[in-house]
Amino acid sequence: MKRPIMILTMFAALMIGGCSGENAKEIFETAQLEELQKNHAHAKELYRKLIQKHPESAYAAKAREKLDALNRAGQ
């Protein structure tokens, strides 16, 4: 009985530890904050990262729009 519980505990720890904490929403919100703080280079980097890591998400579409706007503005 102890062995299955130990295996399940180890599996749960690996799953929790494997989460990066960087989902599309978090990246997008951080990029927006950087943009508001006039740190355009970092905002663009984060928008690119979001597009690369989560290309099919709704946030990726928003990030493309933001990135295009920054590029058009010469930021």
N, C-alpha and C. Protein backbone atom coordinates (compact mmCIF):
# COMPACT_ATOMS: atom_id res chain seq x y z
N MET A 1 0.81 -1.19 0.00
CA MET A 1 0.00 0.00 0.00
C MET A 1 0.87 1.27 0.00
N LYS A 2 1.99 1.25 0.66
CA LYS A 2 2.85 2.43 0.74
C LYS A 2 3.48 2.76 -0.61
N ARG A 3 3.81 1.71 -1.36
CA ARG A 3 4.49 1.94 -2.65
C ARG A 3 3.61 2.72 -3.64
N PRO A 4 2.34 2.35 -3.85
CA PRO A 4 1.51 3.14 -4.78
C PRO A 4 1.33 4.59 -4.32
N ILE A 5 1.21 4.80 -3.03
CA ILE A 5 1.07 6.17 -2.52
C ILE A 5 2.35 6.95 -2.79
N MET A 6 3.49 6.32 -2.58
CA MET A 6 4.76 6.98 -2.83
C MET A 6 4.91 7.31 -4.31
N ILE A 7 4.53 6.40 -5.18
CA ILE A 7 4.62 6.63 -6.62
C ILE A 7 3.70 7.77 -7.03
N LEU A 8 2.47 7.77 -6.52
CA LEU A 8 1.54 8.85 -6.84
C LEU A 8 2.05 10.20 -6.33
N THR A 9 2.64 10.21 -5.15
CA THR A 9 3.18 11.44 -4.59
C THR A 9 4.32 11.97 -5.46
N MET A 10 5.19 11.08 -5.90
CA MET A 10 6.31 11.48 -6.76
C MET A 10 5.79 12.01 -8.10
N PHE A 11 4.79 11.33 -8.66
CA PHE A 11 4.21 11.77 -9.92
C PHE A 11 3.60 13.16 -9.77
N ALA A 12 2.86 13.38 -8.71
CA ALA A 12 2.25 14.69 -8.47
C ALA A 12 3.31 15.77 -8.32
N ALA A 13 4.38 15.46 -7.63
CA ALA A 13 5.46 16.44 -7.45
C ALA A 13 6.11 16.79 -8.78
N LEU A 14 6.29 15.80 -9.64
CA LEU A 14 6.88 16.05 -10.96
C LEU A 14 5.95 16.91 -11.81
N MET A 15 4.67 16.65 -11.74
CA MET A 15 3.71 17.41 -12.53
C MET A 15 3.65 18.86 -12.06
N ILE A 16 3.63 19.06 -10.78
CA ILE A 16 3.58 20.42 -10.23
C ILE A 16 4.89 21.15 -10.52
N GLY A 17 5.99 20.47 -10.36
CA GLY A 17 7.29 21.08 -10.62
C GLY A 17 7.52 21.39 -12.07
N GLY A 18 6.85 20.68 -12.96
CA GLY A 18 7.00 20.88 -14.38
C GLY A 18 6.25 22.09 -14.91
N CYS A 19 5.37 22.65 -14.14
CA CYS A 19 4.61 23.81 -14.59
C CYS A 19 5.52 25.03 -14.55
N SER A 20 5.60 25.72 -15.66
CA SER A 20 6.51 26.86 -15.73
C SER A 20 5.90 28.13 -15.16
N GLY A 21 4.58 28.16 -15.06
CA GLY A 21 3.93 29.36 -14.57
C GLY A 21 3.84 30.44 -15.63
N GLU A 22 4.18 30.09 -16.86
CA GLU A 22 4.15 31.06 -17.94
C GLU A 22 3.10 30.66 -18.96
N ASN A 23 1.85 30.91 -18.64
CA ASN A 23 0.82 30.64 -19.63
C ASN A 23 0.65 31.88 -20.50
N ALA A 24 -0.15 31.75 -21.54
CA ALA A 24 -0.30 32.83 -22.51
C ALA A 24 -0.80 34.11 -21.86
N LYS A 25 -1.76 34.00 -20.97
CA LYS A 25 -2.31 35.18 -20.31
C LYS A 25 -1.25 35.91 -19.50
N GLU A 26 -0.46 35.18 -18.74
CA GLU A 26 0.57 35.80 -17.91
C GLU A 26 1.61 36.52 -18.76
N ILE A 27 2.03 35.89 -19.84
CA ILE A 27 3.02 36.51 -20.72
C ILE A 27 2.44 37.79 -21.33
N PHE A 28 1.20 37.71 -21.81
CA PHE A 28 0.56 38.86 -22.42
C PHE A 28 0.44 40.02 -21.43
N GLU A 29 -0.02 39.72 -20.24
CA GLU A 29 -0.18 40.77 -19.24
C GLU A 29 1.16 41.39 -18.85
N THR A 30 2.20 40.59 -18.77
CA THR A 30 3.52 41.12 -18.46
C THR A 30 4.01 42.01 -19.59
N ALA A 31 3.77 41.59 -20.83
CA ALA A 31 4.17 42.40 -21.98
C ALA A 31 3.43 43.73 -21.99
N GLN A 32 2.14 43.70 -21.66
CA GLN A 32 1.37 44.95 -21.59
C GLN A 32 1.94 45.88 -20.53
N LEU A 33 2.30 45.33 -19.39
CA LEU A 33 2.89 46.13 -18.32
C LEU A 33 4.20 46.76 -18.78
N GLU A 34 5.03 45.97 -19.45
CA GLU A 34 6.30 46.50 -19.97
C GLU A 34 6.04 47.62 -20.97
N GLU A 35 5.01 47.44 -21.80
CA GLU A 35 4.66 48.46 -22.78
C GLU A 35 4.23 49.75 -22.08
N LEU A 36 3.41 49.64 -21.05
CA LEU A 36 2.97 50.81 -20.29
C LEU A 36 4.13 51.54 -19.63
N GLN A 37 5.15 50.77 -19.25
CA GLN A 37 6.32 51.36 -18.61
C GLN A 37 7.34 51.86 -19.63
N LYS A 38 6.92 51.88 -20.90
CA LYS A 38 7.77 52.35 -22.00
C LYS A 38 9.00 51.49 -22.23
N ASN A 39 8.95 50.25 -21.78
CA ASN A 39 10.03 49.30 -22.04
C ASN A 39 9.63 48.48 -23.27
N HIS A 40 9.64 49.16 -24.41
CA HIS A 40 9.13 48.56 -25.63
C HIS A 40 9.94 47.36 -26.11
N ALA A 41 11.23 47.40 -25.93
CA ALA A 41 12.07 46.27 -26.37
C ALA A 41 11.68 44.99 -25.64
N HIS A 42 11.48 45.09 -24.34
CA HIS A 42 11.12 43.90 -23.57
C HIS A 42 9.68 43.48 -23.88
N ALA A 43 8.80 44.43 -24.08
CA ALA A 43 7.41 44.10 -24.44
C ALA A 43 7.40 43.33 -25.76
N LYS A 44 8.15 43.79 -26.74
CA LYS A 44 8.21 43.10 -28.04
C LYS A 44 8.78 41.69 -27.88
N GLU A 45 9.79 41.56 -27.05
CA GLU A 45 10.39 40.25 -26.80
C GLU A 45 9.35 39.29 -26.19
N LEU A 46 8.57 39.80 -25.24
CA LEU A 46 7.55 38.97 -24.61
C LEU A 46 6.42 38.62 -25.58
N TYR A 47 6.01 39.57 -26.41
CA TYR A 47 4.98 39.28 -27.41
C TYR A 47 5.47 38.19 -28.37
N ARG A 48 6.74 38.28 -28.78
CA ARG A 48 7.31 37.25 -29.66
C ARG A 48 7.35 35.88 -28.96
N LYS A 49 7.73 35.89 -27.70
CA LYS A 49 7.78 34.65 -26.93
C LYS A 49 6.40 34.02 -26.85
N LEU A 50 5.39 34.84 -26.59
CA LEU A 50 4.02 34.34 -26.49
C LEU A 50 3.59 33.71 -27.82
N ILE A 51 3.87 34.39 -28.92
CA ILE A 51 3.50 33.88 -30.25
C ILE A 51 4.20 32.56 -30.52
N GLN A 52 5.44 32.45 -30.10
CA GLN A 52 6.21 31.22 -30.33
C GLN A 52 5.71 30.07 -29.45
N LYS A 53 5.45 30.35 -28.18
CA LYS A 53 5.07 29.28 -27.24
C LYS A 53 3.60 28.89 -27.33
N HIS A 54 2.74 29.84 -27.70
CA HIS A 54 1.29 29.60 -27.71
C HIS A 54 0.69 30.13 -29.01
N PRO A 55 1.13 29.64 -30.16
CA PRO A 55 0.73 30.23 -31.45
C PRO A 55 -0.76 30.18 -31.76
N GLU A 56 -1.47 29.23 -31.20
CA GLU A 56 -2.89 29.08 -31.51
C GLU A 56 -3.81 29.75 -30.50
N SER A 57 -3.26 30.38 -29.49
CA SER A 57 -4.09 30.98 -28.45
C SER A 57 -4.66 32.32 -28.91
N ALA A 58 -5.73 32.72 -28.28
CA ALA A 58 -6.31 34.04 -28.56
C ALA A 58 -5.32 35.14 -28.17
N TYR A 59 -4.51 34.89 -27.17
CA TYR A 59 -3.52 35.88 -26.74
C TYR A 59 -2.43 36.06 -27.79
N ALA A 60 -2.14 35.02 -28.56
CA ALA A 60 -1.14 35.14 -29.62
C ALA A 60 -1.64 36.10 -30.69
N ALA A 61 -2.92 36.02 -31.02
CA ALA A 61 -3.49 36.95 -32.00
C ALA A 61 -3.39 38.39 -31.50
N LYS A 62 -3.68 38.59 -30.22
CA LYS A 62 -3.57 39.93 -29.63
C LYS A 62 -2.11 40.39 -29.62
N ALA A 63 -1.22 39.45 -29.32
CA ALA A 63 0.21 39.79 -29.28
C ALA A 63 0.71 40.20 -30.66
N ARG A 64 0.24 39.52 -31.70
CA ARG A 64 0.63 39.90 -33.07
C ARG A 64 0.19 41.34 -33.37
N GLU A 65 -1.03 41.67 -32.96
CA GLU A 65 -1.53 43.03 -33.17
C GLU A 65 -0.68 44.05 -32.43
N LYS A 66 -0.37 43.75 -31.17
CA LYS A 66 0.44 44.66 -30.36
C LYS A 66 1.84 44.83 -30.96
N LEU A 67 2.42 43.70 -31.37
CA LEU A 67 3.77 43.72 -31.96
C LEU A 67 3.77 44.53 -33.25
N ASP A 68 2.76 44.33 -34.09
CA ASP A 68 2.66 45.11 -35.33
C ASP A 68 2.53 46.61 -35.03
N ALA A 69 1.71 46.95 -34.03
CA ALA A 69 1.52 48.35 -33.66
C ALA A 69 2.84 48.97 -33.16
N LEU A 70 3.56 48.24 -32.36
CA LEU A 70 4.85 48.75 -31.86
C LEU A 70 5.83 48.94 -33.01
N ASN A 71 5.84 47.99 -33.93
CA ASN A 71 6.76 48.09 -35.07
C ASN A 71 6.39 49.27 -35.97
N ARG A 72 5.08 49.46 -36.20
CA ARG A 72 4.63 50.60 -37.03
C ARG A 72 4.97 51.93 -36.37
N ALA A 73 4.92 51.96 -35.06
CA ALA A 73 5.22 53.20 -34.31
C ALA A 73 6.73 53.44 -34.18
N GLY A 74 7.51 52.48 -34.63
CA GLY A 74 8.96 52.63 -34.55
C GLY A 74 9.49 52.42 -33.14
N GLN A 75 8.77 51.71 -32.35
CA GLN A 75 9.17 51.46 -30.95
C GLN A 75 10.13 50.30 -30.88
